[in-house]
């Protein structure tokens, strides 16, 4: 019985090692903000990219799409122009967007080890009563209007990642103070992967930076900074024109007496010249007679 047990145990160990070799993967989580470039590492066991395949899926329910096959890029996706391979077969993504978040698998052989990379992209959109929704890190808006900034983490399975790793989304100001403590800002976090900020802007908010931060305990994984930029309104433009007109009027008011005085002086000098010439001519006429 002992020999049979040892044989069975040995068989289980061999089977376990075989399955581990087939399904084992190097799992990596990468956090980045939209607009930044990133390089996803491949388990480069063969030291060549001619057999490298990169597979992408956006969500758990999304189909898998090959973006590189045999080291050759597939051009059937809209973002293919932003993808490239490095010399060690890593996948480069230039200027990531929210659509790049998801799961990336790198294989170099059917039964060999592979890399399993989960890319999480932090992205901010803004909307206000004076402008339409925008994905830019800064949008020109008017003062004294209400603005809402929505910060979302785009991931393959975001809720699971956030809850399992105890990640947290927070809004902070330039001094790294949590804006939940400021009554001017209404913070809502109905979902684990989404947090919104709403506030009414005042004149002093121009060029203010608001930062959405993804934190893991006390460490910052990544962040996105939104800069408030005020656009010139019709009222302010009219005000500038009015000021220019007032300056012209003021200059005219102060200049008018000077111009009149100069005209009087010039007229007096001209009159004196005419009188002098008349007297001179009369004197010559008297001597001639």
C-alpha atoms as a PDB file:
ATOM      1  CA  UNK A   1       0.000   0.000   0.000  1.00  0.00           C
ATOM      2  CA  UNK A   2       2.856   2.320   0.787  1.00  0.00           C
ATOM      3  CA  UNK A   3       4.476   1.800  -2.617  1.00  0.00           C
ATOM      4  CA  UNK A   4       1.145   2.395  -4.398  1.00  0.00           C
ATOM      5  CA  UNK A   5       0.586   5.589  -2.387  1.00  0.00           C
ATOM      6  CA  UNK A   6       4.044   6.848  -3.290  1.00  0.00           C
ATOM      7  CA  UNK A   7       3.417   6.094  -6.974  1.00  0.00           C
ATOM      8  CA  UNK A   8       0.078   7.926  -6.876  1.00  0.00           C
ATOM      9  CA  UNK A   9       1.641  10.905  -5.106  1.00  0.00           C
ATOM     10  CA  UNK A  10       4.459  11.005  -7.653  1.00  0.00           C
ATOM     11  CA  UNK A  11       1.903  10.869 -10.463  1.00  0.00           C
ATOM     12  CA  UNK A  12      -0.043  13.778  -8.978  1.00  0.00           C
ATOM     13  CA  UNK A  13       3.133  15.866  -8.657  1.00  0.00           C
ATOM     14  CA  UNK A  14       4.054  15.212 -12.301  1.00  0.00           C
ATOM     15  CA  UNK A  15       0.540  16.078 -13.507  1.00  0.00           C
ATOM     16  CA  UNK A  16       0.504  19.209 -11.365  1.00  0.00           C
ATOM     17  CA  UNK A  17       3.810  20.374 -12.802  1.00  0.00           C
ATOM     18  CA  UNK A  18       2.590  19.730 -16.338  1.00  0.00           C
ATOM     19  CA  UNK A  19      -0.598  21.733 -15.836  1.00  0.00           C
ATOM     20  CA  UNK A  20       1.345  24.521 -14.177  1.00  0.00           C
ATOM     21  CA  UNK A  21       3.653  24.682 -17.182  1.00  0.00           C
ATOM     22  CA  UNK A  22       0.693  24.994 -19.545  1.00  0.00           C
ATOM     23  CA  UNK A  23      -1.518  27.395 -17.647  1.00  0.00           C
ATOM     24  CA  UNK A  24       1.008  29.203 -15.451  1.00  0.00           C
ATOM     25  CA  UNK A  25       1.339  32.881 -16.226  1.00  0.00           C
ATOM     26  CA  UNK A  26       3.223  35.905 -15.051  1.00  0.00           C
ATOM     27  CA  UNK A  27       0.409  38.228 -13.949  1.00  0.00           C
ATOM     28  CA  UNK A  28       1.051  41.978 -13.870  1.00  0.00           C
ATOM     29  CA  UNK A  29      -1.196  44.950 -13.041  1.00  0.00           C
ATOM     30  CA  UNK A  30      -0.275  48.248 -14.665  1.00  0.00           C
ATOM     31  CA  UNK A  31      -1.885  51.578 -13.679  1.00  0.00           C
ATOM     32  CA  UNK A  32      -1.597  54.628 -15.923  1.00  0.00           C
ATOM     33  CA  UNK A  33      -3.443  57.879 -16.709  1.00  0.00           C
ATOM     34  CA  UNK A  34      -4.857  58.518 -20.165  1.00  0.00           C
ATOM     35  CA  UNK A  35      -2.530  60.368 -22.526  1.00  0.00           C
ATOM     36  CA  UNK A  36       0.608  58.675 -21.221  1.00  0.00           C
ATOM     37  CA  UNK A  37       2.529  56.002 -23.126  1.00  0.00           C
ATOM     38  CA  UNK A  38       3.202  52.575 -21.652  1.00  0.00           C
ATOM     39  CA  UNK A  39       5.197  49.405 -22.370  1.00  0.00           C
ATOM     40  CA  UNK A  40       3.662  46.040 -21.393  1.00  0.00           C
ATOM     41  CA  UNK A  41       6.272  43.375 -20.713  1.00  0.00           C
ATOM     42  CA  UNK A  42       6.211  39.968 -22.429  1.00  0.00           C
ATOM     43  CA  UNK A  43       7.768  36.820 -20.946  1.00  0.00           C
ATOM     44  CA  UNK A  44      10.494  36.735 -23.603  1.00  0.00           C
ATOM     45  CA  UNK A  45      11.634  33.138 -23.122  1.00  0.00           C
ATOM     46  CA  UNK A  46      12.591  32.577 -26.781  1.00  0.00           C
ATOM     47  CA  UNK A  47      14.469  35.869 -27.204  1.00  0.00           C
ATOM     48  CA  UNK A  48      12.792  36.472 -30.538  1.00  0.00           C
ATOM     49  CA  UNK A  49       9.532  38.088 -31.608  1.00  0.00           C
ATOM     50  CA  UNK A  50       8.817  36.104 -34.772  1.00  0.00           C
ATOM     51  CA  UNK A  51       6.592  33.750 -32.762  1.00  0.00           C
ATOM     52  CA  UNK A  52       5.127  36.379 -30.417  1.00  0.00           C
ATOM     53  CA  UNK A  53       1.354  36.858 -30.235  1.00  0.00           C
ATOM     54  CA  UNK A  54      -0.357  39.607 -28.256  1.00  0.00           C
ATOM     55  CA  UNK A  55      -4.053  39.143 -27.476  1.00  0.00           C
ATOM     56  CA  UNK A  56      -6.359  41.860 -26.110  1.00  0.00           C
ATOM     57  CA  UNK A  57      -9.813  41.817 -24.534  1.00  0.00           C
ATOM     58  CA  UNK A  58     -11.487  44.908 -23.119  1.00  0.00           C
ATOM     59  CA  UNK A  59     -13.863  43.370 -20.569  1.00  0.00           C
ATOM     60  CA  UNK A  60     -14.583  39.917 -19.171  1.00  0.00           C
ATOM     61  CA  UNK A  61     -17.470  39.633 -21.651  1.00  0.00           C
ATOM     62  CA  UNK A  62     -15.525  40.976 -24.639  1.00  0.00           C
ATOM     63  CA  UNK A  63     -14.095  38.702 -27.362  1.00  0.00           C
ATOM     64  CA  UNK A  64     -10.321  38.272 -27.591  1.00  0.00           C
ATOM     65  CA  UNK A  65      -8.628  40.165 -30.426  1.00  0.00           C
ATOM     66  CA  UNK A  66      -5.126  39.458 -31.723  1.00  0.00           C
ATOM     67  CA  UNK A  67      -3.188  42.711 -32.128  1.00  0.00           C
ATOM     68  CA  UNK A  68       0.123  41.006 -33.015  1.00  0.00           C
ATOM     69  CA  UNK A  69       0.497  37.550 -34.581  1.00  0.00           C
ATOM     70  CA  UNK A  70       3.912  36.009 -35.209  1.00  0.00           C
ATOM     71  CA  UNK A  71       5.487  39.364 -34.427  1.00  0.00           C
ATOM     72  CA  UNK A  72       3.437  41.076 -37.164  1.00  0.00           C
ATOM     73  CA  UNK A  73       0.956  43.799 -36.287  1.00  0.00           C
ATOM     74  CA  UNK A  74      -2.699  43.400 -37.163  1.00  0.00           C
ATOM     75  CA  UNK A  75      -4.105  46.503 -38.835  1.00  0.00           C
ATOM     76  CA  UNK A  76      -7.763  45.687 -38.314  1.00  0.00           C
ATOM     77  CA  UNK A  77      -8.179  47.878 -35.245  1.00  0.00           C
ATOM     78  CA  UNK A  78      -8.577  51.662 -34.979  1.00  0.00           C
ATOM     79  CA  UNK A  79      -5.694  51.951 -32.531  1.00  0.00           C
ATOM     80  CA  UNK A  80      -3.186  49.813 -34.450  1.00  0.00           C
ATOM     81  CA  UNK A  81      -1.166  52.908 -35.413  1.00  0.00           C
ATOM     82  CA  UNK A  82      -0.430  53.491 -31.706  1.00  0.00           C
ATOM     83  CA  UNK A  83       0.868  49.954 -31.128  1.00  0.00           C
ATOM     84  CA  UNK A  84       4.395  48.620 -31.663  1.00  0.00           C
ATOM     85  CA  UNK A  85       6.775  45.903 -30.423  1.00  0.00           C
ATOM     86  CA  UNK A  86      10.128  46.489 -28.751  1.00  0.00           C
ATOM     87  CA  UNK A  87      13.236  44.366 -29.228  1.00  0.00           C
ATOM     88  CA  UNK A  88      12.258  42.216 -26.216  1.00  0.00           C
ATOM     89  CA  UNK A  89       8.722  41.711 -27.619  1.00  0.00           C
ATOM     90  CA  UNK A  90       7.077  44.100 -25.132  1.00  0.00           C
ATOM     91  CA  UNK A  91       3.949  45.873 -26.371  1.00  0.00           C
ATOM     92  CA  UNK A  92       4.223  49.658 -26.640  1.00  0.00           C
ATOM     93  CA  UNK A  93       1.018  51.720 -26.521  1.00  0.00           C
ATOM     94  CA  UNK A  94       1.491  55.349 -27.542  1.00  0.00           C
ATOM     95  CA  UNK A  95      -0.708  57.932 -25.790  1.00  0.00           C
ATOM     96  CA  UNK A  96      -3.172  55.611 -24.104  1.00  0.00           C
ATOM     97  CA  UNK A  97      -6.895  56.358 -24.070  1.00  0.00           C
ATOM     98  CA  UNK A  98      -9.724  54.971 -21.971  1.00  0.00           C
ATOM     99  CA  UNK A  99     -10.302  52.417 -24.745  1.00  0.00           C
ATOM    100  CA  UNK A 100      -6.904  50.788 -24.100  1.00  0.00           C
ATOM    101  CA  UNK A 101      -7.805  49.494 -20.650  1.00  0.00           C
ATOM    102  CA  UNK A 102      -8.222  45.733 -20.461  1.00  0.00           C
ATOM    103  CA  UNK A 103      -6.381  42.403 -20.441  1.00  0.00           C
ATOM    104  CA  UNK A 104      -3.299  41.734 -22.601  1.00  0.00           C
ATOM    105  CA  UNK A 105      -1.834  38.256 -23.057  1.00  0.00           C
ATOM    106  CA  UNK A 106       1.583  37.631 -24.613  1.00  0.00           C
ATOM    107  CA  UNK A 107       2.337  34.107 -25.903  1.00  0.00           C
ATOM    108  CA  UNK A 108       5.494  32.864 -27.589  1.00  0.00           C
ATOM    109  CA  UNK A 109       4.509  29.210 -27.838  1.00  0.00           C
ATOM    110  CA  UNK A 110       1.345  27.161 -27.435  1.00  0.00           C
ATOM    111  CA  UNK A 111       2.304  25.310 -24.251  1.00  0.00           C
ATOM    112  CA  UNK A 112       4.959  27.647 -22.918  1.00  0.00           C
ATOM    113  CA  UNK A 113       4.681  30.329 -20.214  1.00  0.00           C
ATOM    114  CA  UNK A 114       2.958  33.563 -21.088  1.00  0.00           C
ATOM    115  CA  UNK A 115       2.476  37.051 -19.711  1.00  0.00           C
ATOM    116  CA  UNK A 116      -0.925  38.123 -18.434  1.00  0.00           C
ATOM    117  CA  UNK A 117      -1.031  41.927 -18.151  1.00  0.00           C
ATOM    118  CA  UNK A 118      -3.992  43.914 -16.833  1.00  0.00           C
ATOM    119  CA  UNK A 119      -3.867  47.544 -17.911  1.00  0.00           C
ATOM    120  CA  UNK A 120      -5.959  50.012 -15.880  1.00  0.00           C
ATOM    121  CA  UNK A 121      -6.367  53.483 -17.415  1.00  0.00           C
ATOM    122  CA  UNK A 122      -7.525  56.457 -15.320  1.00  0.00           C
ATOM    123  CA  UNK A 123      -9.512  58.990 -17.344  1.00  0.00           C
ATOM    124  CA  UNK A 124     -11.381  62.256 -16.624  1.00  0.00           C
ATOM    125  CA  UNK A 125     -14.261  63.847 -18.536  1.00  0.00           C
ATOM    126  CA  UNK A 126     -15.842  67.240 -17.855  1.00  0.00           C
ATOM    127  CA  UNK A 127     -19.209  68.834 -18.485  1.00  0.00           C
ATOM    128  CA  UNK A 128     -20.625  72.223 -17.571  1.00  0.00           C
ATOM    129  CA  UNK A 129     -23.585  74.460 -18.256  1.00  0.00           C
ATOM    130  CA  UNK A 130     -21.422  76.637 -20.535  1.00  0.00           C
ATOM    131  CA  UNK A 131     -19.752  73.881 -22.588  1.00  0.00           C
ATOM    132  CA  UNK A 132     -20.358  70.380 -23.855  1.00  0.00           C
ATOM    133  CA  UNK A 133     -18.749  67.228 -22.465  1.00  0.00           C
ATOM    134  CA  UNK A 134     -15.007  66.994 -23.021  1.00  0.00           C
ATOM    135  CA  UNK A 135     -12.269  64.414 -22.426  1.00  0.00           C
ATOM    136  CA  UNK A 136      -9.459  66.948 -22.351  1.00  0.00           C
ATOM    137  CA  UNK A 137      -7.339  67.557 -19.264  1.00  0.00           C
ATOM    138  CA  UNK A 138      -8.390  71.193 -19.551  1.00  0.00           C
ATOM    139  CA  UNK A 139     -11.436  72.814 -21.134  1.00  0.00           C
ATOM    140  CA  UNK A 140     -12.215  76.495 -21.516  1.00  0.00           C
ATOM    141  CA  UNK A 141     -15.319  77.273 -19.499  1.00  0.00           C
ATOM    142  CA  UNK A 142     -16.909  80.379 -18.061  1.00  0.00           C
ATOM    143  CA  UNK A 143     -16.682  81.559 -14.492  1.00  0.00           C
ATOM    144  CA  UNK A 144     -19.702  81.359 -12.167  1.00  0.00           C
ATOM    145  CA  UNK A 145     -20.932  78.187 -13.901  1.00  0.00           C
ATOM    146  CA  UNK A 146     -21.368  74.689 -12.517  1.00  0.00           C
ATOM    147  CA  UNK A 147     -18.921  72.028 -13.700  1.00  0.00           C
ATOM    148  CA  UNK A 148     -18.856  68.270 -13.136  1.00  0.00           C
ATOM    149  CA  UNK A 149     -15.681  66.205 -13.469  1.00  0.00           C
ATOM    150  CA  UNK A 150     -16.082  62.438 -13.771  1.00  0.00           C
ATOM    151  CA  UNK A 151     -13.058  60.268 -13.025  1.00  0.00           C
ATOM    152  CA  UNK A 152     -13.206  56.611 -14.019  1.00  0.00           C
ATOM    153  CA  UNK A 153     -10.821  53.663 -13.956  1.00  0.00           C
ATOM    154  CA  UNK A 154     -11.108  51.626 -17.163  1.00  0.00           C
ATOM    155  CA  UNK A 155     -10.121  48.012 -16.546  1.00  0.00           C
ATOM    156  CA  UNK A 156     -10.814  44.412 -17.559  1.00  0.00           C
ATOM    157  CA  UNK A 157     -12.721  43.790 -14.319  1.00  0.00           C
ATOM    158  CA  UNK A 158     -12.499  47.066 -12.447  1.00  0.00           C
ATOM    159  CA  UNK A 159     -14.828  46.361  -9.535  1.00  0.00           C
ATOM    160  CA  UNK A 160     -12.933  43.174  -8.691  1.00  0.00           C
ATOM    161  CA  UNK A 161      -9.518  44.856  -8.933  1.00  0.00           C
ATOM    162  CA  UNK A 162     -10.530  47.830  -6.798  1.00  0.00           C
ATOM    163  CA  UNK A 163     -12.237  45.786  -4.073  1.00  0.00           C
ATOM    164  CA  UNK A 164      -9.607  43.021  -4.001  1.00  0.00           C
ATOM    165  CA  UNK A 165      -6.584  45.338  -3.943  1.00  0.00           C
ATOM    166  CA  UNK A 166      -8.303  47.888  -1.702  1.00  0.00           C
ATOM    167  CA  UNK A 167      -7.836  50.688  -4.174  1.00  0.00           C
ATOM    168  CA  UNK A 168      -9.576  54.041  -3.710  1.00  0.00           C
ATOM    169  CA  UNK A 169     -10.395  56.976  -5.973  1.00  0.00           C
ATOM    170  CA  UNK A 170     -10.213  60.463  -4.434  1.00  0.00           C
ATOM    171  CA  UNK A 171     -10.317  64.059  -5.634  1.00  0.00           C
ATOM    172  CA  UNK A 172      -7.535  66.322  -4.343  1.00  0.00           C
ATOM    173  CA  UNK A 173      -6.471  69.946  -4.787  1.00  0.00           C
ATOM    174  CA  UNK A 174      -3.028  71.386  -5.585  1.00  0.00           C
ATOM    175  CA  UNK A 175      -2.007  71.018  -1.947  1.00  0.00           C
ATOM    176  CA  UNK A 176      -2.914  67.283  -1.991  1.00  0.00           C
ATOM    177  CA  UNK A 177      -5.866  67.844   0.352  1.00  0.00           C
ATOM    178  CA  UNK A 178      -8.871  65.549  -0.054  1.00  0.00           C
ATOM    179  CA  UNK A 179     -11.701  67.731  -1.419  1.00  0.00           C
ATOM    180  CA  UNK A 180     -14.279  65.843   0.626  1.00  0.00           C
ATOM    181  CA  UNK A 181     -13.302  68.213   3.431  1.00  0.00           C
ATOM    182  CA  UNK A 182     -14.225  71.284   1.329  1.00  0.00           C
ATOM    183  CA  UNK A 183     -17.925  72.196   1.306  1.00  0.00           C
ATOM    184  CA  UNK A 184     -17.552  73.869  -2.106  1.00  0.00           C
ATOM    185  CA  UNK A 185     -17.196  70.472  -3.763  1.00  0.00           C
ATOM    186  CA  UNK A 186     -19.822  67.739  -3.952  1.00  0.00           C
ATOM    187  CA  UNK A 187     -18.106  64.351  -4.267  1.00  0.00           C
ATOM    188  CA  UNK A 188     -20.077  61.287  -5.381  1.00  0.00           C
ATOM    189  CA  UNK A 189     -18.800  57.733  -5.619  1.00  0.00           C
ATOM    190  CA  UNK A 190     -21.749  55.518  -6.492  1.00  0.00           C
ATOM    191  CA  UNK A 191     -19.451  52.886  -8.028  1.00  0.00           C
ATOM    192  CA  UNK A 192     -16.034  51.582  -7.024  1.00  0.00           C
ATOM    193  CA  UNK A 193     -14.454  52.641 -10.312  1.00  0.00           C
ATOM    194  CA  UNK A 194     -16.154  56.027 -10.734  1.00  0.00           C
ATOM    195  CA  UNK A 195     -15.959  59.211  -8.708  1.00  0.00           C
ATOM    196  CA  UNK A 196     -17.407  62.597  -9.680  1.00  0.00           C
ATOM    197  CA  UNK A 197     -16.817  66.142  -8.485  1.00  0.00           C
ATOM    198  CA  UNK A 198     -19.304  69.003  -8.911  1.00  0.00           C
ATOM    199  CA  UNK A 199     -18.688  72.638  -8.026  1.00  0.00           C
ATOM    200  CA  UNK A 200     -19.626  76.174  -9.032  1.00  0.00           C
ATOM    201  CA  UNK A 201     -16.572  78.021 -10.263  1.00  0.00           C
ATOM    202  CA  UNK A 202     -15.618  81.488  -9.046  1.00  0.00           C
ATOM    203  CA  UNK A 203     -13.187  83.993 -10.560  1.00  0.00           C
ATOM    204  CA  UNK A 204     -10.357  82.778  -8.307  1.00  0.00           C
ATOM    205  CA  UNK A 205     -10.622  79.253  -9.761  1.00  0.00           C
ATOM    206  CA  UNK A 206      -8.937  80.210 -13.044  1.00  0.00           C
ATOM    207  CA  UNK A 207      -5.793  78.041 -13.551  1.00  0.00           C
ATOM    208  CA  UNK A 208      -6.710  75.897 -10.545  1.00  0.00           C
ATOM    209  CA  UNK A 209      -5.632  72.242 -10.708  1.00  0.00           C
ATOM    210  CA  UNK A 210      -7.979  69.484  -9.536  1.00  0.00           C
ATOM    211  CA  UNK A 211      -6.491  65.988  -9.318  1.00  0.00           C
ATOM    212  CA  UNK A 212      -8.175  62.601  -9.427  1.00  0.00           C
ATOM    213  CA  UNK A 213      -5.946  60.121  -7.589  1.00  0.00           C
ATOM    214  CA  UNK A 214      -5.973  56.333  -7.503  1.00  0.00           C
ATOM    215  CA  UNK A 215      -4.573  55.308  -4.123  1.00  0.00           C
ATOM    216  CA  UNK A 216      -3.512  51.978  -2.691  1.00  0.00           C
ATOM    217  CA  UNK A 217      -3.477  52.509   1.058  1.00  0.00           C
ATOM    218  CA  UNK A 218      -1.129  55.542   1.356  1.00  0.00           C
ATOM    219  CA  UNK A 219       0.582  55.044  -1.998  1.00  0.00           C
ATOM    220  CA  UNK A 220      -0.483  56.744  -5.235  1.00  0.00           C
ATOM    221  CA  UNK A 221      -0.743  54.343  -8.179  1.00  0.00           C
ATOM    222  CA  UNK A 222      -1.579  57.015 -10.771  1.00  0.00           C
ATOM    223  CA  UNK A 223      -3.452  60.321 -11.113  1.00  0.00           C
ATOM    224  CA  UNK A 224      -5.025  62.676 -13.646  1.00  0.00           C
ATOM    225  CA  UNK A 225      -4.813  66.463 -13.288  1.00  0.00           C
ATOM    226  CA  UNK A 226      -7.583  68.699 -14.618  1.00  0.00           C
ATOM    227  CA  UNK A 227      -6.754  72.398 -15.037  1.00  0.00           C
ATOM    228  CA  UNK A 228      -9.562  74.978 -14.935  1.00  0.00           C
ATOM    229  CA  UNK A 229      -9.284  77.488 -17.785  1.00  0.00           C
ATOM    230  CA  UNK A 230     -11.732  80.362 -18.157  1.00  0.00           C
ATOM    231  CA  UNK A 231     -12.794  81.493 -21.613  1.00  0.00           C
ATOM    232  CA  UNK A 232     -13.207  85.209 -22.436  1.00  0.00           C
ATOM    233  CA  UNK A 233     -16.924  85.998 -22.333  1.00  0.00           C
ATOM    234  CA  UNK A 234     -18.793  88.604 -24.396  1.00  0.00           C
ATOM    235  CA  UNK A 235     -19.203  90.690 -21.275  1.00  0.00           C
ATOM    236  CA  UNK A 236     -15.478  90.841 -20.604  1.00  0.00           C
ATOM    237  CA  UNK A 237     -14.740  91.680 -24.251  1.00  0.00           C
ATOM    238  CA  UNK A 238     -17.297  94.492 -24.169  1.00  0.00           C
ATOM    239  CA  UNK A 239     -15.755  95.725 -20.937  1.00  0.00           C
ATOM    240  CA  UNK A 240     -12.312  95.910 -22.561  1.00  0.00           C
ATOM    241  CA  UNK A 241     -13.685  97.854 -25.548  1.00  0.00           C
ATOM    242  CA  UNK A 242     -15.491 100.234 -23.177  1.00  0.00           C
ATOM    243  CA  UNK A 243     -12.263 100.882 -21.268  1.00  0.00           C
ATOM    244  CA  UNK A 244     -10.411 101.673 -24.499  1.00  0.00           C
ATOM    245  CA  UNK A 245     -13.114 104.142 -25.541  1.00  0.00           C
ATOM    246  CA  UNK A 246     -12.994 105.820 -22.127  1.00  0.00           C
ATOM    247  CA  UNK A 247      -9.220 106.201 -22.385  1.00  0.00           C
ATOM    248  CA  UNK A 248      -9.580 107.799 -25.830  1.00  0.00           C
ATOM    249  CA  UNK A 249     -12.257 110.180 -24.528  1.00  0.00           C
ATOM    250  CA  UNK A 250     -10.119 111.124 -21.510  1.00  0.00           C
ATOM    251  CA  UNK A 251      -7.121 111.811 -23.724  1.00  0.00           C
ATOM    252  CA  UNK A 252      -9.303 113.876 -26.038  1.00  0.00           C
ATOM    253  CA  UNK A 253     -10.711 115.915 -23.148  1.00  0.00           C
ATOM    254  CA  UNK A 254      -7.247 116.762 -21.802  1.00  0.00           C
ATOM    255  CA  UNK A 255      -5.785 117.344 -25.267  1.00  0.00           C
ATOM    256  CA  UNK A 256      -8.533 119.664 -26.565  1.00  0.00           C
ATOM    257  CA  UNK A 257      -7.552 122.790 -24.499  1.00  0.00           C
ATOM    258  CA  UNK A 258      -3.908 122.298 -25.508  1.00  0.00           C
ATOM    259  CA  UNK A 259      -4.865 122.156 -29.185  1.00  0.00           C
ATOM    260  CA  UNK A 260      -7.011 125.299 -28.872  1.00  0.00           C
ATOM    261  CA  UNK A 261      -4.205 127.152 -27.077  1.00  0.00           C
ATOM    262  CA  UNK A 262      -1.746 126.192 -29.791  1.00  0.00           C
ATOM    263  CA  UNK A 263      -4.190 127.370 -32.456  1.00  0.00           C
ATOM    264  CA  UNK A 264      -4.541 130.750 -30.672  1.00  0.00           C
ATOM    265  CA  UNK A 265      -0.751 131.133 -30.354  1.00  0.00           C
ATOM    266  CA  UNK A 266      -0.210 130.220 -34.004  1.00  0.00           C
ATOM    267  CA  UNK A 267      -2.973 132.589 -35.141  1.00  0.00           C
ATOM    268  CA  UNK A 268      -1.488 135.433 -33.058  1.00  0.00           C
ATOM    269  CA  UNK A 269       1.974 134.892 -34.519  1.00  0.00           C
ATOM    270  CA  UNK A 270       0.574 134.854 -38.046  1.00  0.00           C
ATOM    271  CA  UNK A 271      -1.298 138.114 -37.378  1.00  0.00           C
ATOM    272  CA  UNK A 272       1.878 139.741 -36.001  1.00  0.00           C
ATOM    273  CA  UNK A 273       3.814 138.674 -39.098  1.00  0.00           C
ATOM    274  CA  UNK A 274       1.197 140.211 -41.391  1.00  0.00           C
ATOM    275  CA  UNK A 275       1.273 143.476 -39.423  1.00  0.00           C
ATOM    276  CA  UNK A 276       5.066 143.588 -39.555  1.00  0.00           C
ATOM    277  CA  UNK A 277       5.088 143.013 -43.299  1.00  0.00           C
ATOM    278  CA  UNK A 278       2.463 145.771 -43.863  1.00  0.00           C
ATOM    279  CA  UNK A 279       4.432 148.270 -41.785  1.00  0.00           C
ATOM    280  CA  UNK A 280       7.657 147.402 -43.598  1.00  0.00           C
ATOM    281  CA  UNK A 281       6.004 147.901 -46.985  1.00  0.00           C
ATOM    282  CA  UNK A 282       4.557 151.265 -45.906  1.00  0.00           C
ATOM    283  CA  UNK A 283       7.987 152.405 -44.715  1.00  0.00           C
ATOM    284  CA  UNK A 284       9.588 151.497 -48.046  1.00  0.00           C
ATOM    285  CA  UNK A 285       6.864 153.337 -49.917  1.00  0.00           C
ATOM    286  CA  UNK A 286       7.505 156.509 -47.838  1.00  0.00           C
ATOM    287  CA  UNK A 287      11.258 156.478 -48.591  1.00  0.00           C
ATOM    288  CA  UNK A 288      10.621 156.005 -52.264  1.00  0.00           C
ATOM    289  CA  UNK A 289       8.341 159.031 -52.400  1.00  0.00           C
END
